[in-house]
Amino acid sequence: MPLWTCETCGAQFPDSGNPPASCPICEDERQFVGWNGQTFITRETLSERHRVLWREDLGLTGIALEPSFAIGQRALLVPLGGGCVMWDCVPLATPEAIAQVRSLGGLKAIAISHPHYYGALADWNDAFGGVPVYLHADDREWVTRPHSSIVHWTGDQHRISDDVQLLRTGGHFPGATMLHWSRGADGRGALLTGDIAQVTMDRRFVSFMYSYPNYMPLNAAAVRRIAAAVEPLVFDRIYGAWWGRNVAAGAKAAFAASVARYLAAIV
């Protein structure tokens, strides 16, 4: 039986003879049901219509679907002990993309910022022999295709290695997570934020939203909590959720300025 993927958010669902009746992620107020109703695509059809491309993005290898599909995020491969951590995920794993990741040493782990980017986490996991998939336990209810390798970590911090740490910042979702890579940016530190802190189009600031498509801002208390979680970290670069949406240098000062600017605008 086919595996099904939501065409609006890119979440993958278990195999069944018929598509799911609905996608709970899209029915939530942070996302939306497509204007033509809820639609799903099989993994086979998705692979016929799209390919997975990879390219360098400010020193890291990124992976995304072409043409763009669903939310359109790209995953990033962070070096880790002879392999990589896949940060965030995409809705398709093709043999060519899997081979490319193997050429970089393979996956040692997968870590995902929030449910909108869970994608085909199970397929990527299976391709690399059941590596841990780190999802925060506060977002457990949003997993659409359960898998035995999912690690529902708890608390506010989870260290994957000496130089890679996950931080629960909250905000966009209760378990919303960022990844801090202390050796990133040539040792100056990098913060991978997904769209928990959205890199703005001028790439000089970040901003915050509860729902991007429905234009619902994040409240001041949540933004202050994110700022408090990030403040102790050392970082000079921020990687956002899409190609080129990065703050290349001076990112810690830019983050602090962004928080102040945002709070001044909403309070």
C-alpha atoms as a PDB file:
ATOM      1  CA  MET A   1       0.000   0.000   0.000  1.00  0.00           C
ATOM      2  CA  PRO A   2       1.241   3.528  -0.706  1.00  0.00           C
ATOM      3  CA  LEU A   3       2.602   6.058   1.736  1.00  0.00           C
ATOM      4  CA  TRP A   4       0.812   9.407   1.589  1.00  0.00           C
ATOM      5  CA  THR A   5       2.181  12.951   1.875  1.00  0.00           C
ATOM      6  CA  CYS A   6       0.140  16.060   2.589  1.00  0.00           C
ATOM      7  CA  GLU A   7       0.482  18.420  -0.389  1.00  0.00           C
ATOM      8  CA  THR A   8       0.086  21.514   1.789  1.00  0.00           C
ATOM      9  CA  CYS A   9       2.552  20.895   4.649  1.00  0.00           C
ATOM     10  CA  GLY A  10       4.643  17.958   3.395  1.00  0.00           C
ATOM     11  CA  ALA A  11       3.982  15.646   6.362  1.00  0.00           C
ATOM     12  CA  GLN A  12       4.167  11.945   5.535  1.00  0.00           C
ATOM     13  CA  PHE A  13       1.516   9.492   6.746  1.00  0.00           C
ATOM     14  CA  PRO A  14       1.559   5.678   7.127  1.00  0.00           C
ATOM     15  CA  ASP A  15       0.770   3.377   4.226  1.00  0.00           C
ATOM     16  CA  SER A  16      -2.892   2.716   3.536  1.00  0.00           C
ATOM     17  CA  GLY A  17      -5.172   1.914   0.629  1.00  0.00           C
ATOM     18  CA  ASN A  18      -6.717   5.371   0.736  1.00  0.00           C
ATOM     19  CA  PRO A  19      -5.328   8.793   1.660  1.00  0.00           C
ATOM     20  CA  PRO A  20      -5.936  10.090   5.197  1.00  0.00           C
ATOM     21  CA  ALA A  21      -9.248  11.786   5.869  1.00  0.00           C
ATOM     22  CA  SER A  22      -7.415  14.933   6.960  1.00  0.00           C
ATOM     23  CA  CYS A  23      -4.050  16.356   8.022  1.00  0.00           C
ATOM     24  CA  PRO A  24      -4.117  17.517  11.661  1.00  0.00           C
ATOM     25  CA  ILE A  25      -1.099  19.750  11.093  1.00  0.00           C
ATOM     26  CA  CYS A  26      -2.930  21.681   8.373  1.00  0.00           C
ATOM     27  CA  GLU A  27      -6.169  21.858  10.355  1.00  0.00           C
ATOM     28  CA  ASP A  28      -4.299  23.615  13.162  1.00  0.00           C
ATOM     29  CA  GLU A  29      -4.532  27.425  13.144  1.00  0.00           C
ATOM     30  CA  ARG A  30      -0.787  27.791  12.551  1.00  0.00           C
ATOM     31  CA  GLN A  31      -1.125  26.172   9.136  1.00  0.00           C
ATOM     32  CA  PHE A  32      -4.015  25.978   6.657  1.00  0.00           C
ATOM     33  CA  VAL A  33      -6.006  23.578   4.496  1.00  0.00           C
ATOM     34  CA  GLY A  34      -5.440  24.234   0.796  1.00  0.00           C
ATOM     35  CA  TRP A  35      -8.062  26.304  -0.992  1.00  0.00           C
ATOM     36  CA  ASN A  36      -9.136  23.239  -2.966  1.00  0.00           C
ATOM     37  CA  GLY A  37      -9.445  21.148   0.179  1.00  0.00           C
ATOM     38  CA  GLN A  38      -7.110  18.663   1.774  1.00  0.00           C
ATOM     39  CA  THR A  39      -5.091  16.720  -0.807  1.00  0.00           C
ATOM     40  CA  PHE A  40      -2.480  13.991  -0.524  1.00  0.00           C
ATOM     41  CA  ILE A  41       0.070  12.541  -2.930  1.00  0.00           C
ATOM     42  CA  THR A  42       1.727   9.112  -2.897  1.00  0.00           C
ATOM     43  CA  ARG A  43       5.452   8.860  -2.374  1.00  0.00           C
ATOM     44  CA  GLU A  44       5.839   7.379  -5.859  1.00  0.00           C
ATOM     45  CA  THR A  45       4.003  10.235  -7.551  1.00  0.00           C
ATOM     46  CA  LEU A  46       5.902  12.787  -5.493  1.00  0.00           C
ATOM     47  CA  SER A  47       9.205  11.291  -6.689  1.00  0.00           C
ATOM     48  CA  GLU A  48       7.994  11.427 -10.306  1.00  0.00           C
ATOM     49  CA  ARG A  49       7.092  15.124 -10.094  1.00  0.00           C
ATOM     50  CA  HIS A  50       9.956  16.369  -7.914  1.00  0.00           C
ATOM     51  CA  ARG A  51      13.631  15.708  -7.394  1.00  0.00           C
ATOM     52  CA  VAL A  52      15.811  16.319  -4.376  1.00  0.00           C
ATOM     53  CA  LEU A  53      18.640  18.729  -5.091  1.00  0.00           C
ATOM     54  CA  TRP A  54      21.588  19.598  -2.905  1.00  0.00           C
ATOM     55  CA  ARG A  55      23.904  22.545  -2.926  1.00  0.00           C
ATOM     56  CA  GLU A  56      26.171  24.557  -0.674  1.00  0.00           C
ATOM     57  CA  ASP A  57      24.530  27.222   1.467  1.00  0.00           C
ATOM     58  CA  LEU A  58      26.990  29.379   3.404  1.00  0.00           C
ATOM     59  CA  GLY A  59      29.357  26.500   4.095  1.00  0.00           C
ATOM     60  CA  LEU A  60      26.801  23.763   4.733  1.00  0.00           C
ATOM     61  CA  THR A  61      25.217  21.305   2.326  1.00  0.00           C
ATOM     62  CA  GLY A  62      21.504  21.921   1.945  1.00  0.00           C
ATOM     63  CA  ILE A  63      18.825  19.608   0.556  1.00  0.00           C
ATOM     64  CA  ALA A  64      15.441  20.644  -0.869  1.00  0.00           C
ATOM     65  CA  LEU A  65      12.808  19.593  -3.387  1.00  0.00           C
ATOM     66  CA  GLU A  66      12.698  20.998  -6.904  1.00  0.00           C
ATOM     67  CA  PRO A  67      10.275  22.296  -7.953  1.00  0.00           C
ATOM     68  CA  SER A  68       9.404  23.553  -4.492  1.00  0.00           C
ATOM     69  CA  PHE A  69       6.805  21.477  -2.673  1.00  0.00           C
ATOM     70  CA  ALA A  70       4.499  22.237   0.277  1.00  0.00           C
ATOM     71  CA  ILE A  71       6.221  24.704   2.666  1.00  0.00           C
ATOM     72  CA  GLY A  72       9.446  24.586   0.664  1.00  0.00           C
ATOM     73  CA  GLN A  73      12.056  24.437   3.459  1.00  0.00           C
ATOM     74  CA  ARG A  74      15.521  23.003   2.947  1.00  0.00           C
ATOM     75  CA  ALA A  75      17.333  20.652   5.297  1.00  0.00           C
ATOM     76  CA  LEU A  76      20.927  21.304   6.349  1.00  0.00           C
ATOM     77  CA  LEU A  77      23.681  18.776   6.990  1.00  0.00           C
ATOM     78  CA  VAL A  78      25.794  19.698  10.012  1.00  0.00           C
ATOM     79  CA  PRO A  79      29.141  17.836  10.274  1.00  0.00           C
ATOM     80  CA  LEU A  80      29.263  15.376  13.167  1.00  0.00           C
ATOM     81  CA  GLY A  81      31.931  12.762  13.867  1.00  0.00           C
ATOM     82  CA  GLY A  82      32.598  11.545  10.337  1.00  0.00           C
ATOM     83  CA  GLY A  83      28.971  12.002   9.289  1.00  0.00           C
ATOM     84  CA  CYS A  84      26.194  14.551   9.607  1.00  0.00           C
ATOM     85  CA  VAL A  85      23.199  15.664  11.594  1.00  0.00           C
ATOM     86  CA  MET A  86      20.272  16.399   9.307  1.00  0.00           C
ATOM     87  CA  TRP A  87      18.688  19.573  10.638  1.00  0.00           C
ATOM     88  CA  ASP A  88      15.026  19.808   9.728  1.00  0.00           C
ATOM     89  CA  CYS A  89      13.746  17.459   7.045  1.00  0.00           C
ATOM     90  CA  VAL A  90      12.199  17.414   3.590  1.00  0.00           C
ATOM     91  CA  PRO A  91       9.202  15.408   2.314  1.00  0.00           C
ATOM     92  CA  LEU A  92      11.135  13.052   0.021  1.00  0.00           C
ATOM     93  CA  ALA A  93      14.245  10.848   0.169  1.00  0.00           C
ATOM     94  CA  THR A  94      15.465   9.751  -3.277  1.00  0.00           C
ATOM     95  CA  PRO A  95      18.256   7.254  -4.017  1.00  0.00           C
ATOM     96  CA  GLU A  96      20.384  10.030  -5.524  1.00  0.00           C
ATOM     97  CA  ALA A  97      20.013  12.277  -2.480  1.00  0.00           C
ATOM     98  CA  ILE A  98      20.694   9.386  -0.112  1.00  0.00           C
ATOM     99  CA  ALA A  99      23.880   8.599  -2.053  1.00  0.00           C
ATOM    100  CA  GLN A 100      24.963  12.226  -1.783  1.00  0.00           C
ATOM    101  CA  VAL A 101      24.508  12.182   1.985  1.00  0.00           C
ATOM    102  CA  ARG A 102      26.445   8.902   2.164  1.00  0.00           C
ATOM    103  CA  SER A 103      29.308  10.597   0.314  1.00  0.00           C
ATOM    104  CA  LEU A 104      29.487  13.037   3.243  1.00  0.00           C
ATOM    105  CA  GLY A 105      29.731  10.192   5.763  1.00  0.00           C
ATOM    106  CA  GLY A 106      26.023   9.442   6.156  1.00  0.00           C
ATOM    107  CA  LEU A 107      23.603  10.494   8.855  1.00  0.00           C
ATOM    108  CA  LYS A 108      24.454  10.139  12.533  1.00  0.00           C
ATOM    109  CA  ALA A 109      21.210  11.755  13.683  1.00  0.00           C
ATOM    110  CA  ILE A 110      18.190  13.764  12.541  1.00  0.00           C
ATOM    111  CA  ALA A 111      16.908  16.749  14.524  1.00  0.00           C
ATOM    112  CA  ILE A 112      13.846  18.776  13.584  1.00  0.00           C
ATOM    113  CA  SER A 113      12.773  22.209  14.756  1.00  0.00           C
ATOM    114  CA  HIS A 114       8.988  21.722  14.778  1.00  0.00           C
ATOM    115  CA  PRO A 115       6.129  19.697  13.213  1.00  0.00           C
ATOM    116  CA  HIS A 116       5.879  21.695   9.976  1.00  0.00           C
ATOM    117  CA  TYR A 117       9.245  20.207   8.957  1.00  0.00           C
ATOM    118  CA  TYR A 118       8.823  16.559  10.016  1.00  0.00           C
ATOM    119  CA  GLY A 119       8.484  15.625   6.326  1.00  0.00           C
ATOM    120  CA  ALA A 120       9.722  12.140   5.400  1.00  0.00           C
ATOM    121  CA  LEU A 121      11.743  11.662   8.587  1.00  0.00           C
ATOM    122  CA  ALA A 122      10.994   7.930   8.651  1.00  0.00           C
ATOM    123  CA  ASP A 123      12.285   7.388   5.098  1.00  0.00           C
ATOM    124  CA  TRP A 124      15.504   9.287   5.790  1.00  0.00           C
ATOM    125  CA  ASN A 125      15.921   7.386   9.033  1.00  0.00           C
ATOM    126  CA  ASP A 126      15.408   3.983   7.404  1.00  0.00           C
ATOM    127  CA  ALA A 127      17.943   4.818   4.689  1.00  0.00           C
ATOM    128  CA  PHE A 128      20.650   5.203   7.342  1.00  0.00           C
ATOM    129  CA  GLY A 129      19.904   2.246   9.578  1.00  0.00           C
ATOM    130  CA  GLY A 130      17.762   3.695  12.312  1.00  0.00           C
ATOM    131  CA  VAL A 131      19.712   6.716  13.572  1.00  0.00           C
ATOM    132  CA  PRO A 132      18.050   8.719  16.379  1.00  0.00           C
ATOM    133  CA  VAL A 133      15.453  11.274  15.311  1.00  0.00           C
ATOM    134  CA  TYR A 134      15.286  14.034  17.928  1.00  0.00           C
ATOM    135  CA  LEU A 135      11.842  15.625  18.331  1.00  0.00           C
ATOM    136  CA  HIS A 136      10.834  17.488  21.448  1.00  0.00           C
ATOM    137  CA  ALA A 137       8.306  15.632  23.586  1.00  0.00           C
ATOM    138  CA  ASP A 138       6.100  18.711  23.875  1.00  0.00           C
ATOM    139  CA  ASP A 139       5.193  18.241  20.203  1.00  0.00           C
ATOM    140  CA  ARG A 140       4.635  14.479  20.367  1.00  0.00           C
ATOM    141  CA  GLU A 141       0.959  14.764  19.353  1.00  0.00           C
ATOM    142  CA  TRP A 142       1.868  16.088  15.881  1.00  0.00           C
ATOM    143  CA  VAL A 143       3.838  13.073  14.648  1.00  0.00           C
ATOM    144  CA  THR A 144       1.911  11.793  11.612  1.00  0.00           C
ATOM    145  CA  ARG A 145       4.053   8.724  10.887  1.00  0.00           C
ATOM    146  CA  PRO A 146       5.343   7.209  14.130  1.00  0.00           C
ATOM    147  CA  HIS A 147       8.730   5.498  14.046  1.00  0.00           C
ATOM    148  CA  SER A 148      10.698   3.470  16.581  1.00  0.00           C
ATOM    149  CA  SER A 149      13.806   5.675  16.147  1.00  0.00           C
ATOM    150  CA  ILE A 150      12.076   8.871  17.293  1.00  0.00           C
ATOM    151  CA  VAL A 151      13.587  10.185  20.527  1.00  0.00           C
ATOM    152  CA  HIS A 152      11.099  12.461  22.287  1.00  0.00           C
ATOM    153  CA  TRP A 153      13.587  14.427  24.346  1.00  0.00           C
ATOM    154  CA  THR A 154      12.468  16.533  27.286  1.00  0.00           C
ATOM    155  CA  GLY A 155      13.634  19.643  29.098  1.00  0.00           C
ATOM    156  CA  ASP A 156      15.203  22.754  27.591  1.00  0.00           C
ATOM    157  CA  GLN A 157      18.520  21.373  26.290  1.00  0.00           C
ATOM    158  CA  HIS A 158      19.734  18.165  24.718  1.00  0.00           C
ATOM    159  CA  ARG A 159      23.361  17.663  23.725  1.00  0.00           C
ATOM    160  CA  ILE A 160      24.000  15.503  20.652  1.00  0.00           C
ATOM    161  CA  SER A 161      27.786  15.946  20.749  1.00  0.00           C
ATOM    162  CA  ASP A 162      30.420  18.228  22.243  1.00  0.00           C
ATOM    163  CA  ASP A 163      29.668  20.877  19.641  1.00  0.00           C
ATOM    164  CA  VAL A 164      26.000  20.257  18.709  1.00  0.00           C
ATOM    165  CA  GLN A 165      23.217  21.052  21.144  1.00  0.00           C
ATOM    166  CA  LEU A 166      19.434  21.318  20.810  1.00  0.00           C
ATOM    167  CA  LEU A 167      17.536  24.021  22.684  1.00  0.00           C
ATOM    168  CA  ARG A 168      13.817  24.117  23.299  1.00  0.00           C
ATOM    169  CA  THR A 169      12.928  27.750  22.862  1.00  0.00           C
ATOM    170  CA  GLY A 170       9.190  27.377  22.360  1.00  0.00           C
ATOM    171  CA  GLY A 171       7.301  30.005  20.425  1.00  0.00           C
ATOM    172  CA  HIS A 172       5.972  28.690  17.137  1.00  0.00           C
ATOM    173  CA  PHE A 173       5.155  25.371  18.905  1.00  0.00           C
ATOM    174  CA  PRO A 174       5.564  24.386  22.576  1.00  0.00           C
ATOM    175  CA  GLY A 175       8.527  22.154  21.693  1.00  0.00           C
ATOM    176  CA  ALA A 176      10.002  24.502  19.079  1.00  0.00           C
ATOM    177  CA  THR A 177      13.733  23.843  18.878  1.00  0.00           C
ATOM    178  CA  MET A 178      16.911  25.495  17.629  1.00  0.00           C
ATOM    179  CA  LEU A 179      20.295  23.868  17.051  1.00  0.00           C
ATOM    180  CA  HIS A 180      23.505  25.460  18.301  1.00  0.00           C
ATOM    181  CA  TRP A 181      26.696  24.391  16.527  1.00  0.00           C
ATOM    182  CA  SER A 182      29.633  25.763  18.481  1.00  0.00           C
ATOM    183  CA  ARG A 183      32.191  24.959  15.750  1.00  0.00           C
ATOM    184  CA  GLY A 184      30.109  26.575  13.040  1.00  0.00           C
ATOM    185  CA  ALA A 185      31.106  29.763  11.203  1.00  0.00           C
ATOM    186  CA  ASP A 186      34.798  28.829  11.434  1.00  0.00           C
ATOM    187  CA  GLY A 187      34.610  28.386  15.192  1.00  0.00           C
ATOM    188  CA  ARG A 188      32.608  31.537  15.912  1.00  0.00           C
ATOM    189  CA  GLY A 189      29.413  29.526  16.436  1.00  0.00           C
ATOM    190  CA  ALA A 190      26.234  29.127  14.418  1.00  0.00           C
ATOM    191  CA  LEU A 191      22.560  28.998  15.363  1.00  0.00           C
ATOM    192  CA  LEU A 192      20.183  27.022  13.140  1.00  0.00           C
ATOM    193  CA  THR A 193      16.708  28.394  13.746  1.00  0.00           C
ATOM    194  CA  GLY A 194      14.356  27.029  11.078  1.00  0.00           C
ATOM    195  CA  ASP A 195      11.572  29.583  11.183  1.00  0.00           C
ATOM    196  CA  ILE A 196      11.367  29.644  14.974  1.00  0.00           C
ATOM    197  CA  ALA A 197      13.339  32.841  14.463  1.00  0.00           C
ATOM    198  CA  GLN A 198      12.656  33.745  10.852  1.00  0.00           C
ATOM    199  CA  VAL A 199      15.522  35.397   8.980  1.00  0.00           C
ATOM    200  CA  THR A 200      14.039  38.493   7.332  1.00  0.00           C
ATOM    201  CA  MET A 201      14.403  39.300   3.652  1.00  0.00           C
ATOM    202  CA  ASP A 202      17.108  41.892   4.265  1.00  0.00           C
ATOM    203  CA  ARG A 203      19.071  39.155   6.114  1.00  0.00           C
ATOM    204  CA  ARG A 204      19.997  41.633   8.843  1.00  0.00           C
ATOM    205  CA  PHE A 205      17.354  40.646  11.397  1.00  0.00           C
ATOM    206  CA  VAL A 206      15.088  37.831  12.498  1.00  0.00           C
ATOM    207  CA  SER A 207      11.429  37.968  13.410  1.00  0.00           C
ATOM    208  CA  PHE A 208       8.860  35.813  15.169  1.00  0.00           C
ATOM    209  CA  MET A 209       5.388  34.534  14.365  1.00  0.00           C
ATOM    210  CA  TYR A 210       2.888  32.135  15.864  1.00  0.00           C
ATOM    211  CA  SER A 211       1.432  31.521  12.399  1.00  0.00           C
ATOM    212  CA  TYR A 212       3.166  32.691   9.238  1.00  0.00           C
ATOM    213  CA  PRO A 213       0.448  31.938   6.655  1.00  0.00           C
ATOM    214  CA  ASN A 214      -2.318  33.310   8.900  1.00  0.00           C
ATOM    215  CA  TYR A 215      -0.331  36.372  10.056  1.00  0.00           C
ATOM    216  CA  MET A 216      -0.605  35.738  13.797  1.00  0.00           C
ATOM    217  CA  PRO A 217       2.280  37.364  15.694  1.00  0.00           C
ATOM    218  CA  LEU A 218       3.996  35.722  18.617  1.00  0.00           C
ATOM    219  CA  ASN A 219       3.259  37.261  22.009  1.00  0.00           C
ATOM    220  CA  ALA A 220       5.842  39.210  23.990  1.00  0.00           C
ATOM    221  CA  ALA A 221       6.268  36.602  26.732  1.00  0.00           C
ATOM    222  CA  ALA A 222       7.116  33.908  24.187  1.00  0.00           C
ATOM    223  CA  VAL A 223       9.647  36.144  22.428  1.00  0.00           C
ATOM    224  CA  ARG A 224      11.304  37.019  25.736  1.00  0.00           C
ATOM    225  CA  ARG A 225      11.570  33.313  26.526  1.00  0.00           C
ATOM    226  CA  ILE A 226      13.265  32.669  23.178  1.00  0.00           C
ATOM    227  CA  ALA A 227      15.664  35.542  23.836  1.00  0.00           C
ATOM    228  CA  ALA A 228      16.527  34.172  27.285  1.00  0.00           C
ATOM    229  CA  ALA A 229      17.260  30.715  25.849  1.00  0.00           C
ATOM    230  CA  VAL A 230      19.540  32.124  23.160  1.00  0.00           C
ATOM    231  CA  GLU A 231      21.340  34.782  25.225  1.00  0.00           C
ATOM    232  CA  PRO A 232      23.984  32.489  26.838  1.00  0.00           C
ATOM    233  CA  LEU A 233      25.069  31.066  23.470  1.00  0.00           C
ATOM    234  CA  VAL A 234      28.079  32.157  21.460  1.00  0.00           C
ATOM    235  CA  PHE A 235      27.276  32.475  17.745  1.00  0.00           C
ATOM    236  CA  ASP A 236      28.160  34.730  14.847  1.00  0.00           C
ATOM    237  CA  ARG A 237      25.922  33.199  12.162  1.00  0.00           C
ATOM    238  CA  ILE A 238      22.254  32.233  11.832  1.00  0.00           C
ATOM    239  CA  TYR A 239      20.937  29.728   9.303  1.00  0.00           C
ATOM    240  CA  GLY A 240      17.244  30.122   8.492  1.00  0.00           C
ATOM    241  CA  ALA A 241      14.805  27.723   6.842  1.00  0.00           C
ATOM    242  CA  TRP A 242      15.195  28.534   3.119  1.00  0.00           C
ATOM    243  CA  TRP A 243      18.020  28.869   0.611  1.00  0.00           C
ATOM    244  CA  GLY A 244      20.126  31.928   1.366  1.00  0.00           C
ATOM    245  CA  ARG A 245      17.991  33.093   4.296  1.00  0.00           C
ATOM    246  CA  ASN A 246      20.959  33.399   6.629  1.00  0.00           C
ATOM    247  CA  VAL A 247      22.623  36.085   8.740  1.00  0.00           C
ATOM    248  CA  ALA A 248      26.221  35.591   7.656  1.00  0.00           C
ATOM    249  CA  ALA A 249      28.015  37.522  10.427  1.00  0.00           C
ATOM    250  CA  GLY A 250      27.308  39.553  13.529  1.00  0.00           C
ATOM    251  CA  ALA A 251      24.301  37.343  14.191  1.00  0.00           C
ATOM    252  CA  LYS A 252      24.229  37.524  17.985  1.00  0.00           C
ATOM    253  CA  ALA A 253      23.975  41.307  17.962  1.00  0.00           C
ATOM    254  CA  ALA A 254      21.421  41.066  15.142  1.00  0.00           C
ATOM    255  CA  PHE A 255      19.326  38.634  17.194  1.00  0.00           C
ATOM    256  CA  ALA A 256      19.308  40.930  20.225  1.00  0.00           C
ATOM    257  CA  ALA A 257      18.420  43.926  18.067  1.00  0.00           C
ATOM    258  CA  SER A 258      15.659  41.905  16.439  1.00  0.00           C
ATOM    259  CA  VAL A 259      14.098  41.023  19.774  1.00  0.00           C
ATOM    260  CA  ALA A 260      14.132  44.667  20.864  1.00  0.00           C
ATOM    261  CA  ARG A 261      12.661  45.804  17.553  1.00  0.00           C
ATOM    262  CA  TYR A 262       9.926  43.182  17.634  1.00  0.00           C
ATOM    263  CA  LEU A 263       8.893  43.916  21.207  1.00  0.00           C
ATOM    264  CA  ALA A 264       8.789  47.650  20.511  1.00  0.00           C
ATOM    265  CA  ALA A 265       6.451  46.983  17.603  1.00  0.00           C
ATOM    266  CA  ILE A 266       3.915  44.831  19.476  1.00  0.00           C
ATOM    267  CA  VAL A 267       3.942  46.078  23.096  1.00  0.00           C
END
